[in-house]
Amino acid sequence: MNSNLFDQLGLKIDIAYILLALLVIIIVLLIIVIIQGNKIKAIKNQISRFMKGKEAASLEDEIVALFEENQVIRKTTEKNQKDINRLYDRLASCFQKVGIIKYDAFNQMGGQLSYSIALLDEDNNGFLLNSVHSTDGCYSYSKEIVNGKCKLELGDEEQIALNEAIEYGK
């Protein structure tokens, strides 16, 4: 099966080979079209799952609503952080450390009715309260504590209570 056109051009090609080559190209293109069709179908399934009954306009509304919610959450978080910082600042000056010791002041009362109690803040500032119980009565003394130190001399029990307060929570 020779073609007059090919003969006139000086080509000695059989037209059957050309038709066979075209048939192979058509089959390859058909396979590519089928593969692309499957890919498009998979993408359509993903889009329909993503939309889940929503229209594109409502999806845009959903995204805008999420953005606005995010802004509200961010502002709330910032407010909460400021509140927490303010609470930490206030807490620093509150009594956080306690040391207490009970003792028998005169070894005659038959009980540990006397006590020393130290109340300190975060910076070890506060006071020490000492109550001495005897047969004559009960006497209470307070001493100021600044940076874990007292300007006045401390008794043994007072020093123990102060040390307990300083070490509290470590």
N, C-alpha and C. Protein backbone atom coordinates (compact mmCIF):
# COMPACT_ATOMS: atom_id res chain seq x y z
N MET A 1 0.82 -1.16 0.00
CA MET A 1 0.00 0.00 0.00
C MET A 1 0.87 1.23 0.00
N ASN A 2 1.24 1.63 -1.12
CA ASN A 2 2.06 2.83 -1.24
C ASN A 2 1.16 3.99 -1.63
N SER A 3 1.58 5.16 -1.20
CA SER A 3 0.81 6.35 -1.48
C SER A 3 1.50 7.13 -2.58
N ASN A 4 0.69 7.68 -3.46
CA ASN A 4 1.24 8.51 -4.53
C ASN A 4 1.87 9.77 -3.96
N LEU A 5 1.31 10.28 -2.86
CA LEU A 5 1.85 11.49 -2.25
C LEU A 5 3.26 11.25 -1.75
N PHE A 6 3.46 10.13 -1.09
CA PHE A 6 4.79 9.82 -0.58
C PHE A 6 5.77 9.57 -1.71
N ASP A 7 5.28 8.96 -2.78
CA ASP A 7 6.14 8.70 -3.93
C ASP A 7 6.56 10.01 -4.59
N GLN A 8 5.64 10.96 -4.67
CA GLN A 8 5.96 12.24 -5.28
C GLN A 8 6.96 13.02 -4.42
N LEU A 9 6.88 12.83 -3.13
CA LEU A 9 7.83 13.50 -2.23
C LEU A 9 9.16 12.77 -2.18
N GLY A 10 9.22 11.64 -2.72
CA GLY A 10 10.45 10.88 -2.77
C GLY A 10 10.63 10.01 -1.54
N LEU A 11 9.55 9.79 -0.79
CA LEU A 11 9.62 8.95 0.41
C LEU A 11 9.10 7.57 0.06
N LYS A 12 9.79 6.59 0.52
CA LYS A 12 9.38 5.22 0.28
C LYS A 12 8.82 4.65 1.60
N ILE A 13 7.71 5.23 2.07
CA ILE A 13 7.11 4.80 3.33
C ILE A 13 5.77 4.17 3.03
N ASP A 14 5.53 3.07 3.71
CA ASP A 14 4.25 2.39 3.55
C ASP A 14 3.23 3.08 4.46
N ILE A 15 2.08 3.39 3.96
CA ILE A 15 1.03 4.10 4.72
C ILE A 15 0.53 3.27 5.89
N ALA A 16 0.67 1.98 5.84
CA ALA A 16 0.23 1.12 6.94
C ALA A 16 1.04 1.41 8.20
N TYR A 17 2.32 1.70 8.05
CA TYR A 17 3.15 2.05 9.21
C TYR A 17 2.69 3.35 9.84
N ILE A 18 2.35 4.28 9.03
CA ILE A 18 1.86 5.57 9.55
C ILE A 18 0.55 5.37 10.27
N LEU A 19 -0.36 4.59 9.70
CA LEU A 19 -1.63 4.33 10.36
C LEU A 19 -1.43 3.58 11.68
N LEU A 20 -0.50 2.64 11.67
CA LEU A 20 -0.20 1.90 12.89
C LEU A 20 0.36 2.83 13.96
N ALA A 21 1.24 3.74 13.59
CA ALA A 21 1.81 4.71 14.54
C ALA A 21 0.71 5.63 15.07
N LEU A 22 -0.18 6.07 14.21
CA LEU A 22 -1.29 6.91 14.64
C LEU A 22 -2.22 6.16 15.60
N LEU A 23 -2.43 4.88 15.34
CA LEU A 23 -3.26 4.06 16.22
C LEU A 23 -2.62 3.94 17.61
N VAL A 24 -1.33 3.75 17.68
CA VAL A 24 -0.61 3.67 18.96
C VAL A 24 -0.72 5.01 19.68
N ILE A 25 -0.56 6.10 18.98
CA ILE A 25 -0.68 7.44 19.60
C ILE A 25 -2.09 7.65 20.13
N ILE A 26 -3.09 7.22 19.40
CA ILE A 26 -4.48 7.37 19.85
C ILE A 26 -4.71 6.56 21.11
N ILE A 27 -4.19 5.34 21.16
CA ILE A 27 -4.36 4.51 22.36
C ILE A 27 -3.67 5.14 23.56
N VAL A 28 -2.45 5.65 23.37
CA VAL A 28 -1.72 6.32 24.47
C VAL A 28 -2.50 7.55 24.95
N LEU A 29 -3.01 8.33 24.02
CA LEU A 29 -3.80 9.51 24.40
C LEU A 29 -5.08 9.11 25.13
N LEU A 30 -5.71 8.02 24.69
CA LEU A 30 -6.92 7.53 25.37
C LEU A 30 -6.60 7.12 26.81
N ILE A 31 -5.48 6.45 27.02
CA ILE A 31 -5.07 6.07 28.38
C ILE A 31 -4.82 7.32 29.22
N ILE A 32 -4.17 8.31 28.67
CA ILE A 32 -3.91 9.56 29.40
C ILE A 32 -5.23 10.25 29.76
N VAL A 33 -6.19 10.25 28.84
CA VAL A 33 -7.49 10.87 29.12
C VAL A 33 -8.20 10.13 30.25
N ILE A 34 -8.12 8.80 30.27
CA ILE A 34 -8.75 8.02 31.34
C ILE A 34 -8.09 8.32 32.69
N ILE A 35 -6.76 8.38 32.71
CA ILE A 35 -6.04 8.69 33.96
C ILE A 35 -6.42 10.09 34.45
N GLN A 36 -6.46 11.06 33.56
CA GLN A 36 -6.82 12.43 33.94
C GLN A 36 -8.27 12.49 34.43
N GLY A 37 -9.14 11.73 33.81
CA GLY A 37 -10.54 11.68 34.25
C GLY A 37 -10.65 11.16 35.68
N ASN A 38 -9.87 10.13 36.00
CA ASN A 38 -9.87 9.59 37.37
C ASN A 38 -9.33 10.62 38.37
N LYS A 39 -8.31 11.34 37.98
CA LYS A 39 -7.76 12.37 38.87
C LYS A 39 -8.78 13.49 39.11
N ILE A 40 -9.46 13.89 38.06
CA ILE A 40 -10.49 14.94 38.19
C ILE A 40 -11.62 14.45 39.09
N LYS A 41 -12.00 13.18 38.95
CA LYS A 41 -13.06 12.61 39.79
C LYS A 41 -12.63 12.62 41.27
N ALA A 42 -11.37 12.28 41.54
CA ALA A 42 -10.87 12.28 42.91
C ALA A 42 -10.88 13.69 43.49
N ILE A 43 -10.49 14.67 42.69
CA ILE A 43 -10.50 16.06 43.16
C ILE A 43 -11.93 16.53 43.41
N LYS A 44 -12.86 16.15 42.55
CA LYS A 44 -14.27 16.51 42.77
C LYS A 44 -14.78 15.91 44.08
N ASN A 45 -14.39 14.66 44.37
CA ASN A 45 -14.80 14.03 45.63
C ASN A 45 -14.22 14.79 46.83
N GLN A 46 -12.96 15.20 46.73
CA GLN A 46 -12.35 15.97 47.82
C GLN A 46 -13.08 17.30 48.02
N ILE A 47 -13.40 17.96 46.93
CA ILE A 47 -14.10 19.25 47.03
C ILE A 47 -15.48 19.06 47.63
N SER A 48 -16.19 18.02 47.22
CA SER A 48 -17.53 17.82 47.78
C SER A 48 -17.46 17.45 49.26
N ARG A 49 -16.42 16.69 49.67
CA ARG A 49 -16.25 16.41 51.09
C ARG A 49 -15.91 17.68 51.85
N PHE A 50 -15.11 18.54 51.25
CA PHE A 50 -14.72 19.80 51.88
C PHE A 50 -15.93 20.72 52.04
N MET A 51 -16.75 20.78 51.03
CA MET A 51 -17.92 21.66 51.06
C MET A 51 -19.01 21.10 51.97
N LYS A 52 -19.19 19.81 51.99
CA LYS A 52 -20.20 19.12 52.81
C LYS A 52 -21.53 19.85 52.81
N GLY A 53 -22.09 20.04 51.70
CA GLY A 53 -23.42 20.64 51.62
C GLY A 53 -23.40 22.15 51.68
N LYS A 54 -22.25 22.76 51.80
CA LYS A 54 -22.16 24.21 51.87
C LYS A 54 -21.95 24.77 50.47
N GLU A 55 -22.45 25.95 50.29
CA GLU A 55 -22.19 26.64 49.03
C GLU A 55 -20.88 27.40 49.18
N ALA A 56 -20.29 27.77 48.08
CA ALA A 56 -19.01 28.47 48.14
C ALA A 56 -19.14 29.78 48.89
N ALA A 57 -20.26 30.47 48.73
CA ALA A 57 -20.45 31.75 49.42
C ALA A 57 -20.54 31.52 50.93
N SER A 58 -21.23 30.48 51.34
CA SER A 58 -21.34 30.22 52.78
C SER A 58 -20.00 29.77 53.34
N LEU A 59 -19.18 29.10 52.55
CA LEU A 59 -17.85 28.71 52.99
C LEU A 59 -17.01 29.95 53.24
N GLU A 60 -17.14 30.94 52.40
CA GLU A 60 -16.42 32.20 52.61
C GLU A 60 -16.89 32.85 53.91
N ASP A 61 -18.19 32.81 54.17
CA ASP A 61 -18.72 33.35 55.43
C ASP A 61 -18.15 32.61 56.62
N GLU A 62 -18.02 31.29 56.50
CA GLU A 62 -17.46 30.49 57.58
C GLU A 62 -16.02 30.88 57.86
N ILE A 63 -15.24 31.09 56.81
CA ILE A 63 -13.83 31.48 56.97
C ILE A 63 -13.74 32.85 57.63
N VAL A 64 -14.58 33.79 57.22
CA VAL A 64 -14.59 35.13 57.83
C VAL A 64 -14.98 35.03 59.30
N ALA A 65 -15.97 34.20 59.62
CA ALA A 65 -16.40 34.02 61.01
C ALA A 65 -15.27 33.43 61.85
N LEU A 66 -14.54 32.47 61.29
CA LEU A 66 -13.41 31.89 62.02
C LEU A 66 -12.33 32.93 62.26
N PHE A 67 -12.08 33.79 61.30
CA PHE A 67 -11.09 34.85 61.45
C PHE A 67 -11.51 35.80 62.57
N GLU A 68 -12.78 36.19 62.59
CA GLU A 68 -13.28 37.09 63.63
C GLU A 68 -13.20 36.43 65.01
N GLU A 69 -13.52 35.13 65.08
CA GLU A 69 -13.41 34.39 66.33
C GLU A 69 -11.97 34.37 66.82
N ASN A 70 -11.06 34.19 65.88
CA ASN A 70 -9.64 34.19 66.22
C ASN A 70 -9.22 35.52 66.82
N GLN A 71 -9.74 36.62 66.29
CA GLN A 71 -9.42 37.94 66.82
C GLN A 71 -9.95 38.09 68.25
N VAL A 72 -11.16 37.61 68.49
CA VAL A 72 -11.75 37.68 69.84
C VAL A 72 -10.92 36.86 70.81
N ILE A 73 -10.53 35.66 70.39
CA ILE A 73 -9.72 34.80 71.26
C ILE A 73 -8.38 35.46 71.56
N ARG A 74 -7.77 36.08 70.57
CA ARG A 74 -6.48 36.75 70.77
C ARG A 74 -6.62 37.89 71.78
N LYS A 75 -7.69 38.70 71.65
CA LYS A 75 -7.89 39.81 72.59
C LYS A 75 -8.14 39.28 74.00
N THR A 76 -8.93 38.21 74.11
CA THR A 76 -9.21 37.62 75.42
C THR A 76 -7.93 37.08 76.04
N THR A 77 -7.11 36.45 75.24
CA THR A 77 -5.84 35.91 75.74
C THR A 77 -4.94 37.03 76.25
N GLU A 78 -4.88 38.12 75.51
CA GLU A 78 -4.06 39.27 75.95
C GLU A 78 -4.58 39.83 77.27
N LYS A 79 -5.91 39.94 77.40
CA LYS A 79 -6.51 40.44 78.64
C LYS A 79 -6.19 39.50 79.80
N ASN A 80 -6.33 38.20 79.54
CA ASN A 80 -6.03 37.22 80.59
C ASN A 80 -4.57 37.30 81.02
N GLN A 81 -3.67 37.49 80.07
CA GLN A 81 -2.25 37.60 80.41
C GLN A 81 -1.99 38.84 81.26
N LYS A 82 -2.64 39.95 80.94
CA LYS A 82 -2.50 41.16 81.76
C LYS A 82 -3.03 40.92 83.17
N ASP A 83 -4.19 40.24 83.26
CA ASP A 83 -4.76 39.94 84.57
C ASP A 83 -3.83 39.04 85.39
N ILE A 84 -3.26 38.04 84.74
CA ILE A 84 -2.34 37.13 85.44
C ILE A 84 -1.12 37.90 85.93
N ASN A 85 -0.57 38.77 85.09
CA ASN A 85 0.60 39.56 85.50
C ASN A 85 0.26 40.46 86.68
N ARG A 86 -0.94 41.05 86.65
CA ARG A 86 -1.38 41.91 87.75
C ARG A 86 -1.51 41.09 89.04
N LEU A 87 -2.07 39.89 88.92
CA LEU A 87 -2.20 39.02 90.09
C LEU A 87 -0.84 38.62 90.65
N TYR A 88 0.11 38.32 89.78
CA TYR A 88 1.46 37.98 90.24
C TYR A 88 2.08 39.16 90.99
N ASP A 89 1.88 40.36 90.46
CA ASP A 89 2.41 41.54 91.13
C ASP A 89 1.80 41.72 92.51
N ARG A 90 0.49 41.50 92.62
CA ARG A 90 -0.19 41.63 93.91
C ARG A 90 0.22 40.51 94.86
N LEU A 91 0.40 39.33 94.32
CA LEU A 91 0.76 38.18 95.14
C LEU A 91 2.15 38.32 95.76
N ALA A 92 3.03 39.04 95.06
CA ALA A 92 4.39 39.21 95.57
C ALA A 92 4.41 39.89 96.94
N SER A 93 3.42 40.76 97.20
CA SER A 93 3.41 41.48 98.48
C SER A 93 2.52 40.79 99.53
N CYS A 94 1.90 39.67 99.19
CA CYS A 94 1.08 38.92 100.15
C CYS A 94 1.96 37.97 100.94
N PHE A 95 1.49 37.61 102.13
CA PHE A 95 2.22 36.64 102.92
C PHE A 95 2.12 35.28 102.26
N GLN A 96 3.27 34.71 101.92
CA GLN A 96 3.32 33.44 101.22
C GLN A 96 4.08 32.39 102.01
N LYS A 97 4.89 32.82 102.95
CA LYS A 97 5.76 31.89 103.67
C LYS A 97 5.41 31.95 105.15
N VAL A 98 5.31 30.78 105.75
CA VAL A 98 4.92 30.68 107.15
C VAL A 98 5.88 29.75 107.86
N GLY A 99 6.28 30.15 109.03
CA GLY A 99 7.07 29.29 109.90
C GLY A 99 6.48 29.39 111.30
N ILE A 100 6.24 28.25 111.93
CA ILE A 100 5.65 28.26 113.27
C ILE A 100 6.33 27.20 114.12
N ILE A 101 6.54 27.56 115.36
CA ILE A 101 7.10 26.60 116.32
C ILE A 101 6.39 26.81 117.65
N LYS A 102 5.99 25.71 118.26
CA LYS A 102 5.37 25.75 119.59
C LYS A 102 6.42 25.27 120.59
N TYR A 103 6.40 25.87 121.76
CA TYR A 103 7.40 25.49 122.76
C TYR A 103 6.88 25.78 124.16
N ASP A 104 7.55 25.21 125.14
CA ASP A 104 7.24 25.43 126.55
C ASP A 104 8.25 26.47 127.04
N ALA A 105 7.79 27.68 127.26
CA ALA A 105 8.70 28.80 127.57
C ALA A 105 9.45 28.63 128.88
N PHE A 106 8.81 28.08 129.91
CA PHE A 106 9.44 28.05 131.23
C PHE A 106 9.58 26.63 131.79
N ASN A 107 9.31 25.64 130.99
CA ASN A 107 9.42 24.24 131.39
C ASN A 107 8.65 23.94 132.67
N GLN A 108 7.62 24.70 132.96
CA GLN A 108 6.85 24.48 134.18
C GLN A 108 5.36 24.38 133.92
N MET A 109 4.94 24.70 132.73
CA MET A 109 3.51 24.77 132.44
C MET A 109 2.92 23.41 132.10
N GLY A 110 3.76 22.49 131.72
CA GLY A 110 3.25 21.17 131.38
C GLY A 110 2.64 21.10 130.00
N GLY A 111 2.95 22.03 129.14
CA GLY A 111 2.44 22.00 127.77
C GLY A 111 3.12 23.04 126.92
N GLN A 112 3.03 22.86 125.65
CA GLN A 112 3.65 23.80 124.72
C GLN A 112 2.61 24.85 124.34
N LEU A 113 2.43 25.82 125.21
CA LEU A 113 1.43 26.86 124.99
C LEU A 113 2.03 28.13 124.37
N SER A 114 3.33 28.27 124.41
CA SER A 114 4.00 29.42 123.79
C SER A 114 4.29 29.08 122.32
N TYR A 115 4.37 30.13 121.49
CA TYR A 115 4.66 29.88 120.08
C TYR A 115 5.33 31.10 119.46
N SER A 116 6.03 30.84 118.36
CA SER A 116 6.59 31.89 117.50
C SER A 116 6.10 31.59 116.09
N ILE A 117 5.62 32.63 115.44
CA ILE A 117 5.12 32.47 114.07
C ILE A 117 5.71 33.59 113.22
N ALA A 118 6.24 33.20 112.05
CA ALA A 118 6.79 34.17 111.11
C ALA A 118 5.95 34.15 109.84
N LEU A 119 5.55 35.33 109.37
CA LEU A 119 4.80 35.48 108.13
C LEU A 119 5.60 36.38 107.20
N LEU A 120 5.96 35.85 106.03
CA LEU A 120 6.82 36.58 105.09
C LEU A 120 6.20 36.59 103.70
N ASP A 121 6.55 37.63 102.94
CA ASP A 121 6.13 37.69 101.54
C ASP A 121 7.21 37.07 100.66
N GLU A 122 7.09 37.24 99.36
CA GLU A 122 8.03 36.63 98.41
C GLU A 122 9.47 37.09 98.64
N ASP A 123 9.65 38.32 99.07
CA ASP A 123 10.99 38.89 99.27
C ASP A 123 11.47 38.76 100.71
N ASN A 124 10.82 37.89 101.48
CA ASN A 124 11.16 37.65 102.89
C ASN A 124 10.99 38.89 103.75
N ASN A 125 9.97 39.67 103.47
CA ASN A 125 9.60 40.81 104.30
C ASN A 125 8.31 40.45 105.01
N GLY A 126 8.18 40.86 106.27
CA GLY A 126 6.97 40.57 107.02
C GLY A 126 7.18 40.82 108.50
N PHE A 127 6.66 39.92 109.32
CA PHE A 127 6.82 40.09 110.76
C PHE A 127 6.89 38.74 111.44
N LEU A 128 7.39 38.79 112.67
CA LEU A 128 7.47 37.62 113.52
C LEU A 128 6.66 37.92 114.78
N LEU A 129 5.79 37.02 115.14
CA LEU A 129 4.95 37.18 116.32
C LEU A 129 5.34 36.10 117.31
N ASN A 130 5.67 36.54 118.54
CA ASN A 130 6.07 35.61 119.58
C ASN A 130 5.11 35.77 120.75
N SER A 131 4.51 34.66 121.17
CA SER A 131 3.59 34.68 122.30
C SER A 131 4.16 33.77 123.38
N VAL A 132 4.42 34.35 124.55
CA VAL A 132 5.00 33.61 125.66
C VAL A 132 3.91 33.41 126.70
N HIS A 133 3.63 32.16 127.02
CA HIS A 133 2.59 31.82 128.00
C HIS A 133 3.26 31.38 129.30
N SER A 134 2.87 32.02 130.39
CA SER A 134 3.42 31.66 131.70
C SER A 134 2.28 31.57 132.70
N THR A 135 2.59 31.27 133.95
CA THR A 135 1.57 31.19 134.99
C THR A 135 1.00 32.57 135.29
N ASP A 136 1.76 33.60 135.02
CA ASP A 136 1.31 34.96 135.29
C ASP A 136 0.42 35.51 134.17
N GLY A 137 0.50 34.93 132.96
CA GLY A 137 -0.30 35.43 131.85
C GLY A 137 0.35 35.10 130.52
N CYS A 138 -0.15 35.75 129.52
CA CYS A 138 0.33 35.52 128.16
C CYS A 138 0.81 36.86 127.61
N TYR A 139 2.05 36.88 127.06
CA TYR A 139 2.63 38.11 126.54
C TYR A 139 2.99 37.89 125.07
N SER A 140 2.63 38.87 124.25
CA SER A 140 2.89 38.75 122.81
C SER A 140 3.82 39.86 122.36
N TYR A 141 4.73 39.51 121.47
CA TYR A 141 5.70 40.46 120.94
C TYR A 141 5.73 40.30 119.41
N SER A 142 5.89 41.39 118.72
CA SER A 142 6.05 41.32 117.27
C SER A 142 7.34 42.01 116.87
N LYS A 143 7.96 41.48 115.85
CA LYS A 143 9.22 42.03 115.34
C LYS A 143 9.15 42.11 113.82
N GLU A 144 9.62 43.22 113.28
CA GLU A 144 9.61 43.41 111.83
C GLU A 144 10.76 42.65 111.19
N ILE A 145 10.45 42.00 110.06
CA ILE A 145 11.46 41.27 109.29
C ILE A 145 11.58 41.95 107.92
N VAL A 146 12.80 42.32 107.56
CA VAL A 146 13.09 42.95 106.27
C VAL A 146 14.19 42.14 105.59
N ASN A 147 13.90 41.62 104.42
CA ASN A 147 14.84 40.80 103.66
C ASN A 147 15.36 39.62 104.46
N GLY A 148 14.50 39.04 105.27
CA GLY A 148 14.86 37.86 106.05
C GLY A 148 15.67 38.14 107.30
N LYS A 149 15.82 39.40 107.64
CA LYS A 149 16.62 39.80 108.82
C LYS A 149 15.77 40.65 109.74
N CYS A 150 16.13 40.60 111.01
CA CYS A 150 15.46 41.41 112.03
C CYS A 150 16.49 42.31 112.69
N LYS A 151 16.14 43.57 112.94
CA LYS A 151 17.06 44.51 113.59
C LYS A 151 17.25 44.16 115.06
N LEU A 152 16.25 43.53 115.64
CA LEU A 152 16.32 43.13 117.05
C LEU A 152 16.86 41.72 117.16
N GLU A 153 17.40 41.41 118.32
CA GLU A 153 17.91 40.07 118.55
C GLU A 153 16.73 39.10 118.68
N LEU A 154 16.90 37.92 118.06
CA LEU A 154 15.84 36.91 118.08
C LEU A 154 16.20 35.80 119.06
N GLY A 155 15.16 35.29 119.72
CA GLY A 155 15.34 34.12 120.57
C GLY A 155 15.50 32.88 119.70
N ASP A 156 15.88 31.77 120.34
CA ASP A 156 16.11 30.53 119.59
C ASP A 156 14.85 30.10 118.83
N GLU A 157 13.71 30.11 119.50
CA GLU A 157 12.47 29.69 118.87
C GLU A 157 12.07 30.65 117.75
N GLU A 158 12.27 31.94 117.95
CA GLU A 158 11.96 32.93 116.91
C GLU A 158 12.83 32.70 115.69
N GLN A 159 14.10 32.40 115.90
CA GLN A 159 15.02 32.16 114.78
C GLN A 159 14.61 30.89 114.02
N ILE A 160 14.18 29.87 114.75
CA ILE A 160 13.73 28.63 114.10
C ILE A 160 12.49 28.91 113.24
N ALA A 161 11.52 29.66 113.78
CA ALA A 161 10.31 30.00 113.03
C ALA A 161 10.66 30.82 111.79
N LEU A 162 11.58 31.78 111.95
CA LEU A 162 12.00 32.61 110.81
C LEU A 162 12.67 31.75 109.74
N ASN A 163 13.56 30.84 110.14
CA ASN A 163 14.24 29.97 109.18
C ASN A 163 13.24 29.07 108.46
N GLU A 164 12.24 28.55 109.18
CA GLU A 164 11.20 27.73 108.53
C GLU A 164 10.44 28.54 107.48
N ALA A 165 10.14 29.78 107.81
CA ALA A 165 9.40 30.62 106.86
C ALA A 165 10.25 30.91 105.62
N ILE A 166 11.52 31.21 105.82
CA ILE A 166 12.40 31.51 104.69
C ILE A 166 12.54 30.28 103.78
N GLU A 167 12.62 29.09 104.36
CA GLU A 167 12.79 27.86 103.59
C GLU A 167 11.47 27.30 103.06
N TYR A 168 10.36 27.91 103.42
CA TYR A 168 9.02 27.42 103.05
C TYR A 168 8.89 27.38 101.52
N GLY A 169 8.52 26.23 101.02
CA GLY A 169 8.25 26.08 99.58
C GLY A 169 9.48 25.88 98.72
N LYS A 170 10.65 25.76 99.28
CA LYS A 170 11.85 25.54 98.46
C LYS A 170 12.04 24.09 98.12
